Amino acid sequence: MAIHILGNGPSLRFFDRDVWPESDVFVGCNFSDEALRPHYTVIVDMRAMKQFRSAKSKGQILNIPAVISDRANKYIAEETGGWDKVSEGRINVIDVIPLERDTKVSRKLAMNSGQHAVVHAIQKYPGINDIHIWGTDSLWCDDLISATDKIVRPHHKGQRVRPTITSKWNKYWEKILVDHSNHTFVIHCPKGSRVSNRLASQNNIKTVEHE
């Protein structure tokens, strides 16, 4: 068995749900594609949660069970009038998890949704040691472009190159690799991609290149 973390970067095109056994665990990030049939998706940011209260779109609908951060939960519960203001059926929250932030990595930036998805899945499924990471292009490039952008940043076009952010995210990935040294992490990436040397030097990481 394996856990598959499904990011929303362009390289997610390499993931084929039908290749993997149904006994595996599939975890989405933010507004994951329903066609990928994730068991649940992880949302940590308020920008994503705002979509469920958007007057313009009359609220986003998420048809995948959601695990959200306590920060995301607080945004709805305390800062926007409460969960009763979110129309029934727009989101099905199955768990609330702590927002993970390490001030040694960054004073302001918390782990991203994919990283929270990894940590949550490892805790939820302690008997599964193989973690496959898909669609997480920030592991080898500085462009944060994501399929979720069309929902949370509808007016933004083109690349979102943010090296200061990807640098901190890579430090969080390094921390995850060290903290879970008994797990094997398989990074799926385009041919010729190179993850940072700090990550590549860890014994429990592998890369699989796709054409």
Protein backbone atom coordinates (compact mmCIF):
# COMPACT_ATOMS: atom_id res chain seq x y z
CA MET A 1 0.00 0.00 0.00
CA ALA A 2 1.03 3.59 -0.59
CA ILE A 3 -0.16 7.13 0.13
CA HIS A 4 -0.44 9.49 -2.83
CA ILE A 5 -0.39 13.24 -2.23
CA LEU A 6 -1.97 14.99 -5.20
CA GLY A 7 -0.74 18.55 -5.59
CA ASN A 8 -2.15 20.90 -8.21
CA GLY A 9 0.99 21.79 -10.17
CA PRO A 10 1.34 21.13 -13.92
CA SER A 11 3.22 17.86 -13.34
CA LEU A 12 0.08 16.29 -11.90
CA ARG A 13 -0.55 15.24 -15.51
CA PHE A 14 1.79 12.32 -14.88
CA PHE A 15 -0.56 10.82 -12.30
CA ASP A 16 -2.88 8.08 -13.54
CA ARG A 17 -5.37 7.05 -10.88
CA ASP A 18 -6.23 3.80 -12.66
CA VAL A 19 -2.64 2.53 -12.50
CA TRP A 20 -2.70 2.33 -8.71
CA PRO A 21 -4.66 -0.17 -6.58
CA GLU A 22 -7.85 0.93 -4.86
CA SER A 23 -6.29 -0.11 -1.55
CA ASP A 24 -3.90 2.88 -1.78
CA VAL A 25 -4.75 6.19 -0.12
CA PHE A 26 -5.23 9.27 -2.31
CA VAL A 27 -5.15 12.72 -0.71
CA GLY A 28 -5.90 15.92 -2.58
CA CYS A 29 -4.84 19.51 -1.92
CA ASN A 30 -7.25 22.45 -1.88
CA PHE A 31 -9.75 22.18 -4.76
CA SER A 32 -8.56 18.82 -5.99
CA ASP A 33 -9.96 17.40 -9.22
CA GLU A 34 -12.90 15.10 -8.47
CA ALA A 35 -11.90 12.93 -11.44
CA LEU A 36 -8.81 11.85 -9.48
CA ARG A 37 -11.13 10.32 -6.86
CA PRO A 38 -9.20 11.44 -3.78
CA HIS A 39 -10.41 10.07 -0.47
CA TYR A 40 -10.27 13.59 0.95
CA THR A 41 -8.53 16.91 0.36
CA VAL A 42 -6.58 19.22 2.68
CA ILE A 43 -7.20 22.97 2.90
CA VAL A 44 -5.12 25.20 5.18
CA ASP A 45 -5.42 28.73 3.75
CA MET A 46 -8.07 31.36 4.31
CA ARG A 47 -7.92 32.35 0.63
CA ALA A 48 -9.39 28.97 -0.26
CA MET A 49 -11.98 29.11 2.52
CA LYS A 50 -13.18 32.51 1.30
CA GLN A 51 -14.49 30.81 -1.83
CA PHE A 52 -17.25 29.14 0.18
CA ARG A 53 -18.53 32.59 1.16
CA SER A 54 -17.98 34.33 -2.17
CA ALA A 55 -21.02 36.44 -3.03
CA LYS A 56 -19.96 36.73 -6.67
CA SER A 57 -19.86 32.99 -7.27
CA LYS A 58 -22.53 32.32 -4.64
CA GLY A 59 -19.98 30.09 -2.95
CA GLN A 60 -17.70 27.34 -4.19
CA ILE A 61 -18.93 23.74 -3.92
CA LEU A 62 -16.46 21.05 -2.94
CA ASN A 63 -17.68 17.51 -3.50
CA ILE A 64 -14.68 15.89 -1.78
CA PRO A 65 -14.51 15.46 2.02
CA ALA A 66 -12.22 18.12 3.47
CA VAL A 67 -9.63 18.23 6.23
CA ILE A 68 -9.01 21.86 7.15
CA SER A 69 -6.57 23.71 9.40
CA ASP A 70 -7.63 25.31 12.66
CA ARG A 71 -6.79 28.68 11.07
CA ALA A 72 -9.16 27.96 8.17
CA ASN A 73 -11.83 26.80 10.62
CA LYS A 74 -11.41 29.94 12.74
CA TYR A 75 -11.79 32.13 9.68
CA ILE A 76 -15.26 30.74 9.03
CA ALA A 77 -16.30 30.20 12.63
CA GLU A 78 -15.21 33.53 14.10
CA GLU A 79 -14.35 36.02 11.37
CA THR A 80 -17.12 35.63 8.80
CA GLY A 81 -20.23 35.07 10.85
CA GLY A 82 -20.05 31.35 11.58
CA TRP A 83 -20.53 28.09 9.75
CA ASP A 84 -24.28 28.61 9.54
CA LYS A 85 -23.51 31.29 6.94
CA VAL A 86 -22.01 28.65 4.64
CA SER A 87 -24.76 27.04 2.60
CA GLU A 88 -25.34 23.38 3.34
CA GLY A 89 -23.57 21.05 0.93
CA ARG A 90 -20.80 23.45 -0.07
CA ILE A 91 -18.12 21.73 2.01
CA ASN A 92 -18.04 18.59 4.15
CA VAL A 93 -15.39 19.02 6.86
CA ILE A 94 -14.33 15.67 8.32
CA ASP A 95 -11.42 16.85 10.46
CA VAL A 96 -9.70 19.99 11.75
CA ILE A 97 -5.92 19.88 12.18
CA PRO A 98 -3.38 22.28 13.70
CA LEU A 99 -1.68 24.70 11.35
CA GLU A 100 1.98 23.64 11.31
CA ARG A 101 4.50 26.46 11.52
CA ASP A 102 8.16 26.31 12.56
CA THR A 103 9.65 29.71 13.38
CA LYS A 104 13.11 28.27 12.75
CA VAL A 105 12.07 27.90 9.12
CA SER A 106 9.96 31.03 8.77
CA ARG A 107 8.43 33.56 11.15
CA LYS A 108 5.34 34.00 8.97
CA LEU A 109 5.09 31.18 6.43
CA ALA A 110 3.41 27.96 7.54
CA MET A 111 3.62 24.61 5.78
CA ASN A 112 1.59 24.44 2.58
CA SER A 113 -1.44 22.24 1.95
CA GLY A 114 0.62 19.42 0.42
CA GLN A 115 2.91 19.30 3.41
CA HIS A 116 -0.02 19.27 5.81
CA ALA A 117 -1.53 16.49 3.68
CA VAL A 118 1.64 14.41 4.08
CA VAL A 119 1.85 14.84 7.85
CA HIS A 120 -1.86 14.19 8.37
CA ALA A 121 -1.85 11.07 6.17
CA ILE A 122 1.21 9.63 7.91
CA GLN A 123 -0.53 10.08 11.26
CA LYS A 124 -3.84 8.72 9.98
CA TYR A 125 -2.34 5.67 8.27
CA PRO A 126 0.62 4.63 10.48
CA GLY A 127 1.08 1.29 8.72
CA ILE A 128 1.84 2.83 5.31
CA ASN A 129 5.45 3.87 4.77
CA ASP A 130 5.56 4.72 1.04
CA ILE A 131 4.56 8.30 0.21
CA HIS A 132 4.22 9.34 -3.43
CA ILE A 133 4.26 13.10 -4.12
CA TRP A 134 2.55 14.24 -7.33
CA GLY A 135 1.94 17.66 -8.85
CA THR A 136 4.28 19.48 -6.45
CA ASP A 137 6.39 21.44 -8.93
CA SER A 138 7.78 23.79 -6.27
CA LEU A 139 10.11 20.94 -5.29
CA TRP A 140 12.21 21.62 -8.42
CA CYS A 141 11.19 25.08 -9.65
CA ASP A 142 10.21 28.47 -8.25
CA ASP A 143 6.92 28.82 -10.12
CA LEU A 144 3.93 28.38 -7.79
CA ILE A 145 1.41 28.08 -10.63
CA SER A 146 -1.45 25.75 -9.66
CA ALA A 147 -4.74 24.50 -11.01
CA THR A 148 -6.31 26.07 -7.92
CA ASP A 149 -5.30 29.54 -9.15
CA LYS A 150 -8.30 29.76 -11.46
CA ILE A 151 -10.53 29.60 -8.37
CA VAL A 152 -8.61 31.60 -5.75
CA ARG A 153 -6.77 33.98 -8.12
CA PRO A 154 -9.10 34.25 -11.13
CA HIS A 155 -7.55 37.50 -12.38
CA HIS A 156 -3.94 36.32 -12.24
CA LYS A 157 -2.43 35.12 -15.48
CA GLY A 158 0.90 33.43 -16.19
CA GLN A 159 3.64 32.37 -13.83
CA ARG A 160 3.96 33.02 -10.10
CA VAL A 161 7.71 32.83 -9.55
CA ARG A 162 8.40 33.10 -5.81
CA PRO A 163 11.89 31.78 -4.92
CA THR A 164 11.72 33.07 -1.35
CA ILE A 165 8.60 30.97 -0.76
CA THR A 166 9.84 27.81 -2.45
CA SER A 167 13.08 28.08 -0.48
CA LYS A 168 11.17 28.01 2.80
CA TRP A 169 8.86 25.26 1.58
CA ASN A 170 11.91 23.16 0.73
CA LYS A 171 13.12 23.63 4.30
CA TYR A 172 9.76 22.37 5.51
CA TRP A 173 10.10 19.36 3.19
CA GLU A 174 13.52 18.68 4.63
CA LYS A 175 12.04 18.78 8.13
CA ILE A 176 9.32 16.32 7.10
CA LEU A 177 11.91 13.94 5.63
CA VAL A 178 13.98 14.07 8.81
CA ASP A 179 10.99 13.76 11.15
CA HIS A 180 9.69 10.73 9.22
CA SER A 181 12.93 8.98 8.39
CA ASN A 182 11.22 5.57 8.47
CA HIS A 183 9.09 6.56 5.46
CA THR A 184 10.13 6.57 1.81
CA PHE A 185 9.15 9.63 -0.20
CA VAL A 186 8.87 9.25 -3.97
CA ILE A 187 8.87 12.53 -5.91
CA HIS A 188 7.29 12.31 -9.37
CA CYS A 189 8.66 14.97 -11.71
CA PRO A 190 9.33 15.76 -15.39
CA LYS A 191 12.47 14.31 -16.95
CA GLY A 192 15.52 16.43 -16.22
CA SER A 193 14.11 18.00 -13.05
CA ARG A 194 16.36 18.44 -10.05
CA VAL A 195 15.15 18.75 -6.49
CA SER A 196 17.34 20.80 -4.18
CA ASN A 197 20.60 19.24 -3.02
CA ARG A 198 19.49 19.46 0.61
CA LEU A 199 16.50 17.26 -0.16
CA ALA A 200 18.27 14.94 -2.57
CA SER A 201 20.88 14.19 0.07
CA GLN A 202 18.30 12.63 2.40
CA ASN A 203 18.36 8.83 2.42
CA ASN A 204 14.59 8.41 2.34
CA ILE A 205 13.82 10.34 -0.84
CA LYS A 206 13.61 9.04 -4.39
CA THR A 207 12.75 10.73 -7.67
CA VAL A 208 10.88 9.19 -10.58
CA GLU A 209 11.20 11.11 -13.84
CA HIS A 210 8.38 11.05 -16.38
CA GLU A 211 8.47 11.86 -20.09
